[in-house]
C-alpha atoms as a PDB file:
ATOM      1  CA  MET A   1      14.685 -15.142  19.766  1.00  0.00           C
ATOM      2  CA  THR A   2      11.597 -12.948  20.003  1.00  0.00           C
ATOM      3  CA  GLN A   3      11.511 -10.193  17.405  1.00  0.00           C
ATOM      4  CA  LYS A   4       9.939  -6.899  18.440  1.00  0.00           C
ATOM      5  CA  VAL A   5       8.332  -4.825  15.716  1.00  0.00           C
ATOM      6  CA  ALA A   6       7.398  -1.152  16.104  1.00  0.00           C
ATOM      7  CA  VAL A   7       4.969   0.717  13.871  1.00  0.00           C
ATOM      8  CA  LEU A   8       5.709   4.442  14.003  1.00  0.00           C
ATOM      9  CA  GLY A   9       2.967   6.918  13.151  1.00  0.00           C
ATOM     10  CA  THR A  10       0.166   4.369  13.357  1.00  0.00           C
ATOM     11  CA  GLY A  11      -2.700   5.515  11.132  1.00  0.00           C
ATOM     12  CA  LYS A  12      -5.248   3.383   9.281  1.00  0.00           C
ATOM     13  CA  ILE A  13      -2.702   1.418   7.253  1.00  0.00           C
ATOM     14  CA  GLY A  14      -0.420   0.964  10.252  1.00  0.00           C
ATOM     15  CA  GLU A  15      -3.315  -0.310  12.337  1.00  0.00           C
ATOM     16  CA  ALA A  16      -4.414  -2.660   9.555  1.00  0.00           C
ATOM     17  CA  LEU A  17      -0.882  -4.036   9.488  1.00  0.00           C
ATOM     18  CA  LEU A  18      -0.890  -4.564  13.263  1.00  0.00           C
ATOM     19  CA  SER A  19      -4.255  -6.290  13.134  1.00  0.00           C
ATOM     20  CA  GLY A  20      -3.139  -8.556  10.301  1.00  0.00           C
ATOM     21  CA  MET A  21       0.090  -9.484  12.078  1.00  0.00           C
ATOM     22  CA  ILE A  22      -1.829 -10.440  15.216  1.00  0.00           C
ATOM     23  CA  ARG A  23      -4.212 -12.638  13.188  1.00  0.00           C
ATOM     24  CA  ALA A  24      -1.168 -14.211  11.545  1.00  0.00           C
ATOM     25  CA  GLY A  25       0.193 -15.226  14.949  1.00  0.00           C
ATOM     26  CA  TRP A  26       2.340 -12.337  16.156  1.00  0.00           C
ATOM     27  CA  ALA A  27       2.067 -11.785  19.886  1.00  0.00           C
ATOM     28  CA  PRO A  28       0.667  -8.350  20.785  1.00  0.00           C
ATOM     29  CA  ALA A  29       3.332  -8.124  23.508  1.00  0.00           C
ATOM     30  CA  ASP A  30       5.969  -8.056  20.755  1.00  0.00           C
ATOM     31  CA  LEU A  31       4.307  -5.187  18.876  1.00  0.00           C
ATOM     32  CA  LEU A  32       5.044  -1.554  19.745  1.00  0.00           C
ATOM     33  CA  VAL A  33       3.247   1.499  18.369  1.00  0.00           C
ATOM     34  CA  THR A  34       3.769   5.229  18.330  1.00  0.00           C
ATOM     35  CA  ALA A  35       1.120   7.842  17.672  1.00  0.00           C
ATOM     36  CA  ARG A  36       1.104  11.618  17.656  1.00  0.00           C
ATOM     37  CA  ARG A  37      -1.909  11.858  19.975  1.00  0.00           C
ATOM     38  CA  PRO A  38      -1.940  10.109  23.374  1.00  0.00           C
ATOM     39  CA  GLU A  39      -5.603   9.199  22.991  1.00  0.00           C
ATOM     40  CA  ARG A  40      -4.824   7.443  19.709  1.00  0.00           C
ATOM     41  CA  ALA A  41      -2.040   5.453  21.385  1.00  0.00           C
ATOM     42  CA  GLN A  42      -4.419   4.408  24.164  1.00  0.00           C
ATOM     43  CA  GLU A  43      -7.039   3.403  21.615  1.00  0.00           C
ATOM     44  CA  LEU A  44      -4.519   1.099  19.908  1.00  0.00           C
ATOM     45  CA  ARG A  45      -3.586  -0.446  23.278  1.00  0.00           C
ATOM     46  CA  GLU A  46      -7.206  -1.151  24.175  1.00  0.00           C
ATOM     47  CA  ARG A  47      -8.161  -2.452  20.731  1.00  0.00           C
ATOM     48  CA  HIS A  48      -5.145  -4.676  19.991  1.00  0.00           C
ATOM     49  CA  GLY A  49      -3.231  -5.164  23.240  1.00  0.00           C
ATOM     50  CA  VAL A  50      -0.086  -3.584  21.773  1.00  0.00           C
ATOM     51  CA  THR A  51       2.303  -1.345  23.704  1.00  0.00           C
ATOM     52  CA  PRO A  52       2.413   2.407  23.000  1.00  0.00           C
ATOM     53  CA  VAL A  53       5.913   3.922  23.294  1.00  0.00           C
ATOM     54  CA  SER A  54       7.748   7.076  22.254  1.00  0.00           C
ATOM     55  CA  ASN A  55       9.592   7.213  18.940  1.00  0.00           C
ATOM     56  CA  GLN A  56      12.920   7.169  20.772  1.00  0.00           C
ATOM     57  CA  GLU A  57      11.967   4.141  22.854  1.00  0.00           C
ATOM     58  CA  ALA A  58      10.792   2.301  19.746  1.00  0.00           C
ATOM     59  CA  ALA A  59      14.133   3.015  18.061  1.00  0.00           C
ATOM     60  CA  LYS A  60      16.056   1.699  21.030  1.00  0.00           C
ATOM     61  CA  THR A  61      14.077  -1.472  21.734  1.00  0.00           C
ATOM     62  CA  ALA A  62      12.442  -2.772  18.529  1.00  0.00           C
ATOM     63  CA  ASP A  63      14.283  -5.059  16.117  1.00  0.00           C
ATOM     64  CA  THR A  64      12.253  -3.759  13.167  1.00  0.00           C
ATOM     65  CA  LEU A  65      10.946  -0.224  12.702  1.00  0.00           C
ATOM     66  CA  ILE A  66       8.082   0.335  10.263  1.00  0.00           C
ATOM     67  CA  LEU A  67       7.760   4.025   9.416  1.00  0.00           C
ATOM     68  CA  THR A  68       4.240   4.873   8.258  1.00  0.00           C
ATOM     69  CA  VAL A  69       4.169   8.665   8.583  1.00  0.00           C
ATOM     70  CA  LYS A  70       3.378  10.887   5.603  1.00  0.00           C
ATOM     71  CA  PRO A  71       6.239  11.573   3.184  1.00  0.00           C
ATOM     72  CA  GLN A  72       6.429  15.239   4.171  1.00  0.00           C
ATOM     73  CA  ASP A  73       6.908  14.232   7.836  1.00  0.00           C
ATOM     74  CA  MET A  74       9.590  11.617   7.253  1.00  0.00           C
ATOM     75  CA  GLY A  75      12.586  13.949   7.485  1.00  0.00           C
ATOM     76  CA  THR A  76      11.487  15.254  10.882  1.00  0.00           C
ATOM     77  CA  LEU A  77      10.899  11.723  12.158  1.00  0.00           C
ATOM     78  CA  LEU A  78      14.344  10.572  11.002  1.00  0.00           C
ATOM     79  CA  ASP A  79      15.993  13.547  12.709  1.00  0.00           C
ATOM     80  CA  GLU A  80      14.332  12.382  15.928  1.00  0.00           C
ATOM     81  CA  LEU A  81      15.212   8.721  15.444  1.00  0.00           C
ATOM     82  CA  ALA A  82      18.753   8.916  14.076  1.00  0.00           C
ATOM     83  CA  PRO A  83      20.627   9.237  17.409  1.00  0.00           C
ATOM     84  CA  HIS A  84      18.796   6.189  18.782  1.00  0.00           C
ATOM     85  CA  VAL A  85      18.766   3.679  15.876  1.00  0.00           C
ATOM     86  CA  PRO A  86      21.633   1.158  15.974  1.00  0.00           C
ATOM     87  CA  ALA A  87      22.984   0.032  12.607  1.00  0.00           C
ATOM     88  CA  ASP A  88      21.588  -3.485  13.071  1.00  0.00           C
ATOM     89  CA  ARG A  89      17.949  -2.326  13.109  1.00  0.00           C
ATOM     90  CA  LEU A  90      15.806  -3.105  10.087  1.00  0.00           C
ATOM     91  CA  VAL A  91      14.005   0.033   8.932  1.00  0.00           C
ATOM     92  CA  ILE A  92      10.964  -0.422   6.687  1.00  0.00           C
ATOM     93  CA  SER A  93       9.568   2.660   4.966  1.00  0.00           C
ATOM     94  CA  GLY A  94       5.973   2.842   3.789  1.00  0.00           C
ATOM     95  CA  ALA A  95       6.239   6.411   2.466  1.00  0.00           C
ATOM     96  CA  ALA A  96       5.423   7.032  -1.174  1.00  0.00           C
ATOM     97  CA  GLY A  97       8.193   8.392  -3.339  1.00  0.00           C
ATOM     98  CA  ILE A  98      11.015   8.424  -0.785  1.00  0.00           C
ATOM     99  CA  PRO A  99      14.047   6.337  -1.843  1.00  0.00           C
ATOM    100  CA  THR A 100      15.999   4.117   0.529  1.00  0.00           C
ATOM    101  CA  SER A 101      19.009   6.413   0.088  1.00  0.00           C
ATOM    102  CA  PHE A 102      17.077   9.146   1.928  1.00  0.00           C
ATOM    103  CA  PHE A 103      17.060   6.936   5.032  1.00  0.00           C
ATOM    104  CA  GLU A 104      20.569   5.564   4.597  1.00  0.00           C
ATOM    105  CA  GLU A 105      22.019   9.073   4.500  1.00  0.00           C
ATOM    106  CA  ARG A 106      20.329  10.010   7.786  1.00  0.00           C
ATOM    107  CA  LEU A 107      20.819   6.814   9.788  1.00  0.00           C
ATOM    108  CA  ALA A 108      23.918   4.988  11.018  1.00  0.00           C
ATOM    109  CA  GLN A 109      26.240   3.672   8.336  1.00  0.00           C
ATOM    110  CA  GLY A 110      25.125   0.205   7.202  1.00  0.00           C
ATOM    111  CA  THR A 111      21.541   0.404   8.458  1.00  0.00           C
ATOM    112  CA  PRO A 112      19.386  -1.974   6.375  1.00  0.00           C
ATOM    113  CA  VAL A 113      16.408  -0.236   4.777  1.00  0.00           C
ATOM    114  CA  VAL A 114      13.524  -1.852   2.903  1.00  0.00           C
ATOM    115  CA  ARG A 115      11.023   0.225   0.949  1.00  0.00           C
ATOM    116  CA  VAL A 116       7.415  -0.977   0.783  1.00  0.00           C
ATOM    117  CA  MET A 117       4.486   0.479  -1.103  1.00  0.00           C
ATOM    118  CA  THR A 118       1.233  -1.082   0.071  1.00  0.00           C
ATOM    119  CA  ASN A 119      -2.350   0.048  -0.508  1.00  0.00           C
ATOM    120  CA  THR A 120      -5.637   0.511   1.341  1.00  0.00           C
ATOM    121  CA  PRO A 121      -7.018  -3.012   0.701  1.00  0.00           C
ATOM    122  CA  ALA A 122      -4.691  -3.892   3.602  1.00  0.00           C
ATOM    123  CA  LEU A 123      -7.767  -2.948   5.633  1.00  0.00           C
ATOM    124  CA  VAL A 124      -9.474  -6.130   4.330  1.00  0.00           C
ATOM    125  CA  ASP A 125      -6.339  -8.322   4.023  1.00  0.00           C
ATOM    126  CA  GLU A 126      -6.222  -7.905   0.229  1.00  0.00           C
ATOM    127  CA  ALA A 127      -3.296  -5.505  -0.075  1.00  0.00           C
ATOM    128  CA  MET A 128      -0.713  -5.504  -2.837  1.00  0.00           C
ATOM    129  CA  SER A 129       2.615  -4.638  -1.187  1.00  0.00           C
ATOM    130  CA  VAL A 130       5.659  -3.995  -3.374  1.00  0.00           C
ATOM    131  CA  ILE A 131       9.029  -4.505  -1.672  1.00  0.00           C
ATOM    132  CA  SER A 132      12.507  -3.229  -2.598  1.00  0.00           C
ATOM    133  CA  ALA A 133      15.868  -3.549  -0.864  1.00  0.00           C
ATOM    134  CA  GLY A 134      18.163  -0.687   0.011  1.00  0.00           C
ATOM    135  CA  SER A 135      21.959  -0.885  -0.273  1.00  0.00           C
ATOM    136  CA  HIS A 136      22.453  -2.776   3.001  1.00  0.00           C
ATOM    137  CA  ALA A 137      19.311  -4.948   3.078  1.00  0.00           C
ATOM    138  CA  THR A 138      19.853  -8.686   2.680  1.00  0.00           C
ATOM    139  CA  ALA A 139      17.612 -11.488   1.446  1.00  0.00           C
ATOM    140  CA  ASP A 140      16.728 -12.201   5.080  1.00  0.00           C
ATOM    141  CA  HIS A 141      15.603  -8.589   5.548  1.00  0.00           C
ATOM    142  CA  LEU A 142      13.399  -8.830   2.459  1.00  0.00           C
ATOM    143  CA  ALA A 143      11.942 -12.120   3.664  1.00  0.00           C
ATOM    144  CA  HIS A 144      11.148 -10.543   7.033  1.00  0.00           C
ATOM    145  CA  ALA A 145       9.366  -7.637   5.322  1.00  0.00           C
ATOM    146  CA  GLU A 146       7.417 -10.135   3.212  1.00  0.00           C
ATOM    147  CA  GLU A 147       6.387 -12.023   6.348  1.00  0.00           C
ATOM    148  CA  ILE A 148       5.073  -8.816   7.917  1.00  0.00           C
ATOM    149  CA  PHE A 149       3.200  -7.455   4.901  1.00  0.00           C
ATOM    150  CA  GLY A 150       2.087 -10.914   3.809  1.00  0.00           C
ATOM    151  CA  ALA A 151      -0.212 -10.803   6.828  1.00  0.00           C
ATOM    152  CA  VAL A 152      -2.444  -8.298   4.988  1.00  0.00           C
ATOM    153  CA  GLY A 153      -2.270  -9.503   1.382  1.00  0.00           C
ATOM    154  CA  LYS A 154       0.161 -10.337  -1.410  1.00  0.00           C
ATOM    155  CA  THR A 155       3.746  -9.144  -1.756  1.00  0.00           C
ATOM    156  CA  LEU A 156       5.978  -8.633  -4.762  1.00  0.00           C
ATOM    157  CA  ARG A 157       9.707  -7.885  -4.898  1.00  0.00           C
ATOM    158  CA  VAL A 158      10.838  -5.334  -7.488  1.00  0.00           C
ATOM    159  CA  PRO A 159      14.001  -3.276  -8.071  1.00  0.00           C
ATOM    160  CA  GLU A 160      13.701   0.081  -6.395  1.00  0.00           C
ATOM    161  CA  SER A 161      13.856   1.773  -9.807  1.00  0.00           C
ATOM    162  CA  GLN A 162      10.354   0.368 -10.456  1.00  0.00           C
ATOM    163  CA  GLN A 163       8.810   1.640  -7.216  1.00  0.00           C
ATOM    164  CA  ASP A 164       7.392   4.850  -8.704  1.00  0.00           C
ATOM    165  CA  ALA A 165       5.616   2.864 -11.429  1.00  0.00           C
ATOM    166  CA  CYS A 166       4.252   0.447  -8.816  1.00  0.00           C
ATOM    167  CA  THR A 167       3.039   3.374  -6.720  1.00  0.00           C
ATOM    168  CA  ALA A 168       1.102   4.637  -9.734  1.00  0.00           C
ATOM    169  CA  LEU A 169      -0.373   1.228 -10.537  1.00  0.00           C
ATOM    170  CA  SER A 170      -1.144  -0.378  -7.187  1.00  0.00           C
ATOM    171  CA  GLY A 171      -0.429   2.181  -4.482  1.00  0.00           C
ATOM    172  CA  SER A 172      -2.952   4.588  -5.982  1.00  0.00           C
ATOM    173  CA  GLY A 173      -4.746   1.839  -7.913  1.00  0.00           C
ATOM    174  CA  PRO A 174      -7.737   1.286  -5.622  1.00  0.00           C
ATOM    175  CA  ALA A 175      -8.770   4.908  -6.105  1.00  0.00           C
ATOM    176  CA  TYR A 176      -9.053   4.400  -9.856  1.00  0.00           C
ATOM    177  CA  PHE A 177     -11.445   1.488  -9.347  1.00  0.00           C
ATOM    178  CA  PHE A 178     -13.503   3.444  -6.821  1.00  0.00           C
ATOM    179  CA  TYR A 179     -13.677   6.297  -9.328  1.00  0.00           C
ATOM    180  CA  LEU A 180     -14.839   3.894 -12.054  1.00  0.00           C
ATOM    181  CA  VAL A 181     -17.511   2.393  -9.800  1.00  0.00           C
ATOM    182  CA  GLU A 182     -18.690   5.902  -8.906  1.00  0.00           C
ATOM    183  CA  ALA A 183     -19.023   6.806 -12.603  1.00  0.00           C
ATOM    184  CA  MET A 184     -20.785   3.541 -13.461  1.00  0.00           C
ATOM    185  CA  THR A 185     -23.201   4.027 -10.573  1.00  0.00           C
ATOM    186  CA  ASP A 186     -24.102   7.456 -11.913  1.00  0.00           C
ATOM    187  CA  ALA A 187     -24.623   5.879 -15.329  1.00  0.00           C
ATOM    188  CA  GLY A 188     -26.922   3.263 -13.794  1.00  0.00           C
ATOM    189  CA  ILE A 189     -29.008   6.035 -12.240  1.00  0.00           C
ATOM    190  CA  LEU A 190     -29.162   7.806 -15.597  1.00  0.00           C
ATOM    191  CA  LEU A 191     -30.416   4.544 -17.120  1.00  0.00           C
ATOM    192  CA  GLY A 192     -33.235   4.418 -14.560  1.00  0.00           C
ATOM    193  CA  LEU A 193     -31.914   2.213 -11.756  1.00  0.00           C
ATOM    194  CA  PRO A 194     -32.075   3.117  -8.055  1.00  0.00           C
ATOM    195  CA  ARG A 195     -28.631   3.958  -6.657  1.00  0.00           C
ATOM    196  CA  ASP A 196     -28.501   0.984  -4.291  1.00  0.00           C
ATOM    197  CA  LYS A 197     -29.320  -1.515  -7.031  1.00  0.00           C
ATOM    198  CA  ALA A 198     -26.847   0.058  -9.457  1.00  0.00           C
ATOM    199  CA  HIS A 199     -24.171  -0.095  -6.750  1.00  0.00           C
ATOM    200  CA  ASP A 200     -24.828  -3.773  -5.978  1.00  0.00           C
ATOM    201  CA  LEU A 201     -24.774  -4.735  -9.651  1.00  0.00           C
ATOM    202  CA  ILE A 202     -21.479  -2.972 -10.294  1.00  0.00           C
ATOM    203  CA  VAL A 203     -19.674  -4.103  -7.133  1.00  0.00           C
ATOM    204  CA  GLN A 204     -20.541  -7.765  -7.641  1.00  0.00           C
ATOM    205  CA  SER A 205     -19.578  -7.520 -11.308  1.00  0.00           C
ATOM    206  CA  ALA A 206     -16.245  -6.016 -10.278  1.00  0.00           C
ATOM    207  CA  ILE A 207     -15.630  -8.774  -7.713  1.00  0.00           C
ATOM    208  CA  GLY A 208     -16.499 -11.485 -10.221  1.00  0.00           C
ATOM    209  CA  ALA A 209     -14.294  -9.967 -12.913  1.00  0.00           C
ATOM    210  CA  ALA A 210     -11.377  -9.636 -10.478  1.00  0.00           C
ATOM    211  CA  VAL A 211     -11.658 -13.271  -9.389  1.00  0.00           C
ATOM    212  CA  MET A 212     -11.750 -14.394 -13.042  1.00  0.00           C
ATOM    213  CA  LEU A 213      -8.636 -12.349 -13.781  1.00  0.00           C
ATOM    214  CA  ARG A 214      -6.861 -13.813 -10.755  1.00  0.00           C
ATOM    215  CA  ASP A 215      -7.909 -17.449 -11.098  1.00  0.00           C
ATOM    216  CA  SER A 216      -8.519 -18.204 -14.777  1.00  0.00           C
ATOM    217  CA  GLY A 217      -5.011 -17.604 -16.090  1.00  0.00           C
ATOM    218  CA  GLU A 218      -6.556 -15.969 -19.157  1.00  0.00           C
ATOM    219  CA  HIS A 219      -5.317 -12.696 -20.667  1.00  0.00           C
ATOM    220  CA  PRO A 220      -7.719  -9.805 -19.996  1.00  0.00           C
ATOM    221  CA  VAL A 221      -8.199  -9.363 -23.738  1.00  0.00           C
ATOM    222  CA  LYS A 222      -9.458 -12.951 -23.995  1.00  0.00           C
ATOM    223  CA  LEU A 223     -11.821 -12.481 -21.064  1.00  0.00           C
ATOM    224  CA  ARG A 224     -13.174  -9.283 -22.588  1.00  0.00           C
ATOM    225  CA  GLU A 225     -13.658 -10.963 -25.965  1.00  0.00           C
ATOM    226  CA  ASN A 226     -15.691 -13.695 -24.270  1.00  0.00           C
ATOM    227  CA  VAL A 227     -18.220 -11.020 -23.253  1.00  0.00           C
ATOM    228  CA  THR A 228     -18.132  -9.151 -26.558  1.00  0.00           C
ATOM    229  CA  SER A 229     -20.575 -10.600 -29.105  1.00  0.00           C
ATOM    230  CA  PRO A 230     -20.667  -9.363 -32.724  1.00  0.00           C
ATOM    231  CA  ALA A 231     -22.936  -6.321 -33.053  1.00  0.00           C
ATOM    232  CA  GLY A 232     -23.913  -6.741 -29.416  1.00  0.00           C
ATOM    233  CA  THR A 233     -24.301  -4.389 -26.485  1.00  0.00           C
ATOM    234  CA  THR A 234     -20.752  -4.743 -25.142  1.00  0.00           C
ATOM    235  CA  ILE A 235     -18.952  -3.857 -28.374  1.00  0.00           C
ATOM    236  CA  ASN A 236     -21.070  -0.730 -28.684  1.00  0.00           C
ATOM    237  CA  ALA A 237     -20.030   0.298 -25.180  1.00  0.00           C
ATOM    238  CA  ILE A 238     -16.353  -0.475 -25.923  1.00  0.00           C
ATOM    239  CA  ARG A 239     -16.543   1.670 -29.062  1.00  0.00           C
ATOM    240  CA  GLU A 240     -17.715   4.626 -27.011  1.00  0.00           C
ATOM    241  CA  LEU A 241     -14.918   4.098 -24.463  1.00  0.00           C
ATOM    242  CA  GLU A 242     -12.396   4.145 -27.315  1.00  0.00           C
ATOM    243  CA  ASN A 243     -14.044   7.159 -28.949  1.00  0.00           C
ATOM    244  CA  HIS A 244     -13.708   9.083 -25.686  1.00  0.00           C
ATOM    245  CA  GLY A 245     -10.068   8.133 -25.236  1.00  0.00           C
ATOM    246  CA  VAL A 246     -10.519   6.209 -21.989  1.00  0.00           C
ATOM    247  CA  ARG A 247      -7.464   4.021 -22.630  1.00  0.00           C
ATOM    248  CA  ALA A 248      -5.277   7.049 -23.365  1.00  0.00           C
ATOM    249  CA  ALA A 249      -6.665   8.867 -20.320  1.00  0.00           C
ATOM    250  CA  LEU A 250      -5.758   5.937 -18.055  1.00  0.00           C
ATOM    251  CA  ILE A 251      -2.207   5.843 -19.411  1.00  0.00           C
ATOM    252  CA  ALA A 252      -1.856   9.595 -18.899  1.00  0.00           C
ATOM    253  CA  ALA A 253      -3.286   9.336 -15.368  1.00  0.00           C
ATOM    254  CA  LEU A 254      -0.790   6.658 -14.346  1.00  0.00           C
ATOM    255  CA  GLU A 255       2.075   8.648 -15.841  1.00  0.00           C
ATOM    256  CA  ALA A 256       0.941  11.641 -13.761  1.00  0.00           C
ATOM    257  CA  ALA A 257       0.882   9.517 -10.607  1.00  0.00           C
ATOM    258  CA  ARG A 258       4.370   8.174 -11.361  1.00  0.00           C
ATOM    259  CA  ASP A 259       5.680  11.691 -11.964  1.00  0.00           C
ATOM    260  CA  ARG A 260       4.210  12.845  -8.661  1.00  0.00           C
ATOM    261  CA  SER A 261       5.931   9.972  -6.875  1.00  0.00           C
ATOM    262  CA  ARG A 262       9.229  11.090  -8.425  1.00  0.00           C
ATOM    263  CA  ALA A 263       8.557  14.677  -7.357  1.00  0.00           C
ATOM    264  CA  LEU A 264       8.038  13.547  -3.762  1.00  0.00           C
ATOM    265  CA  ALA A 265      11.395  11.786  -3.924  1.00  0.00           C
ATOM    266  CA  SER A 266      13.074  15.005  -5.012  1.00  0.00           C
ATOM    267  CA  GLY A 267      11.516  16.947  -2.137  1.00  0.00           C
ATOM    268  CA  ASN A 268       8.963  18.919  -4.174  1.00  0.00           C
ATOM    269  CA  SER A 269       5.781  19.480  -2.161  1.00  0.00           C
END
């Protein structure tokens, strides 16, 4: 039986998901989209061949609803959807910080809800999507969510209690690396390199390091030690990072991101 999937509130991540699903073999005719602006809906139709519909029509006709609106807009969207969502629909939430119970309380009794935190590398099919089941979601529902989000990268199942930590690590994670590259580029300029050359050196070094971490099976400490010669340049740089508390700052930053995710769950703006 053909499964229809609707992406509601289709922004950049929602469009990346649609594009990835189509490349993975989903038929555009089976993909529905909603957008706040009519011109955005038309753009999605022309670019991907998907069908723009209203939120109510998506709720009535799609087998799976993927809600990608901002956390602060989710309550309003659910108020609109609730009268039209049968209890056998799978609802997938991509909103940071909002627990599955928030959806279960507003939708028909027994509605299966799956919570997913993905990240912006979905735009280049390198996302890390973390998946958790709500009270009524089965293994088949989780597998279906993995099939969808696996089209744009890797997936990982975790208990919902770990979602806030995952949001801090991988949901917000790309921004930390962009921030680091920005700082290292500025350092390269300070050391006398043109910006474009500093950028190329750092980006390729980051790509190479990431591939080594992914493919070598080595602990990051071991990989770092392989670069760190006695009395060499690297150990002097590491000493300065430790002197400036970079490790402690990263831990504090991730704790702050986790706490913000929890605050969003409690309704604090």
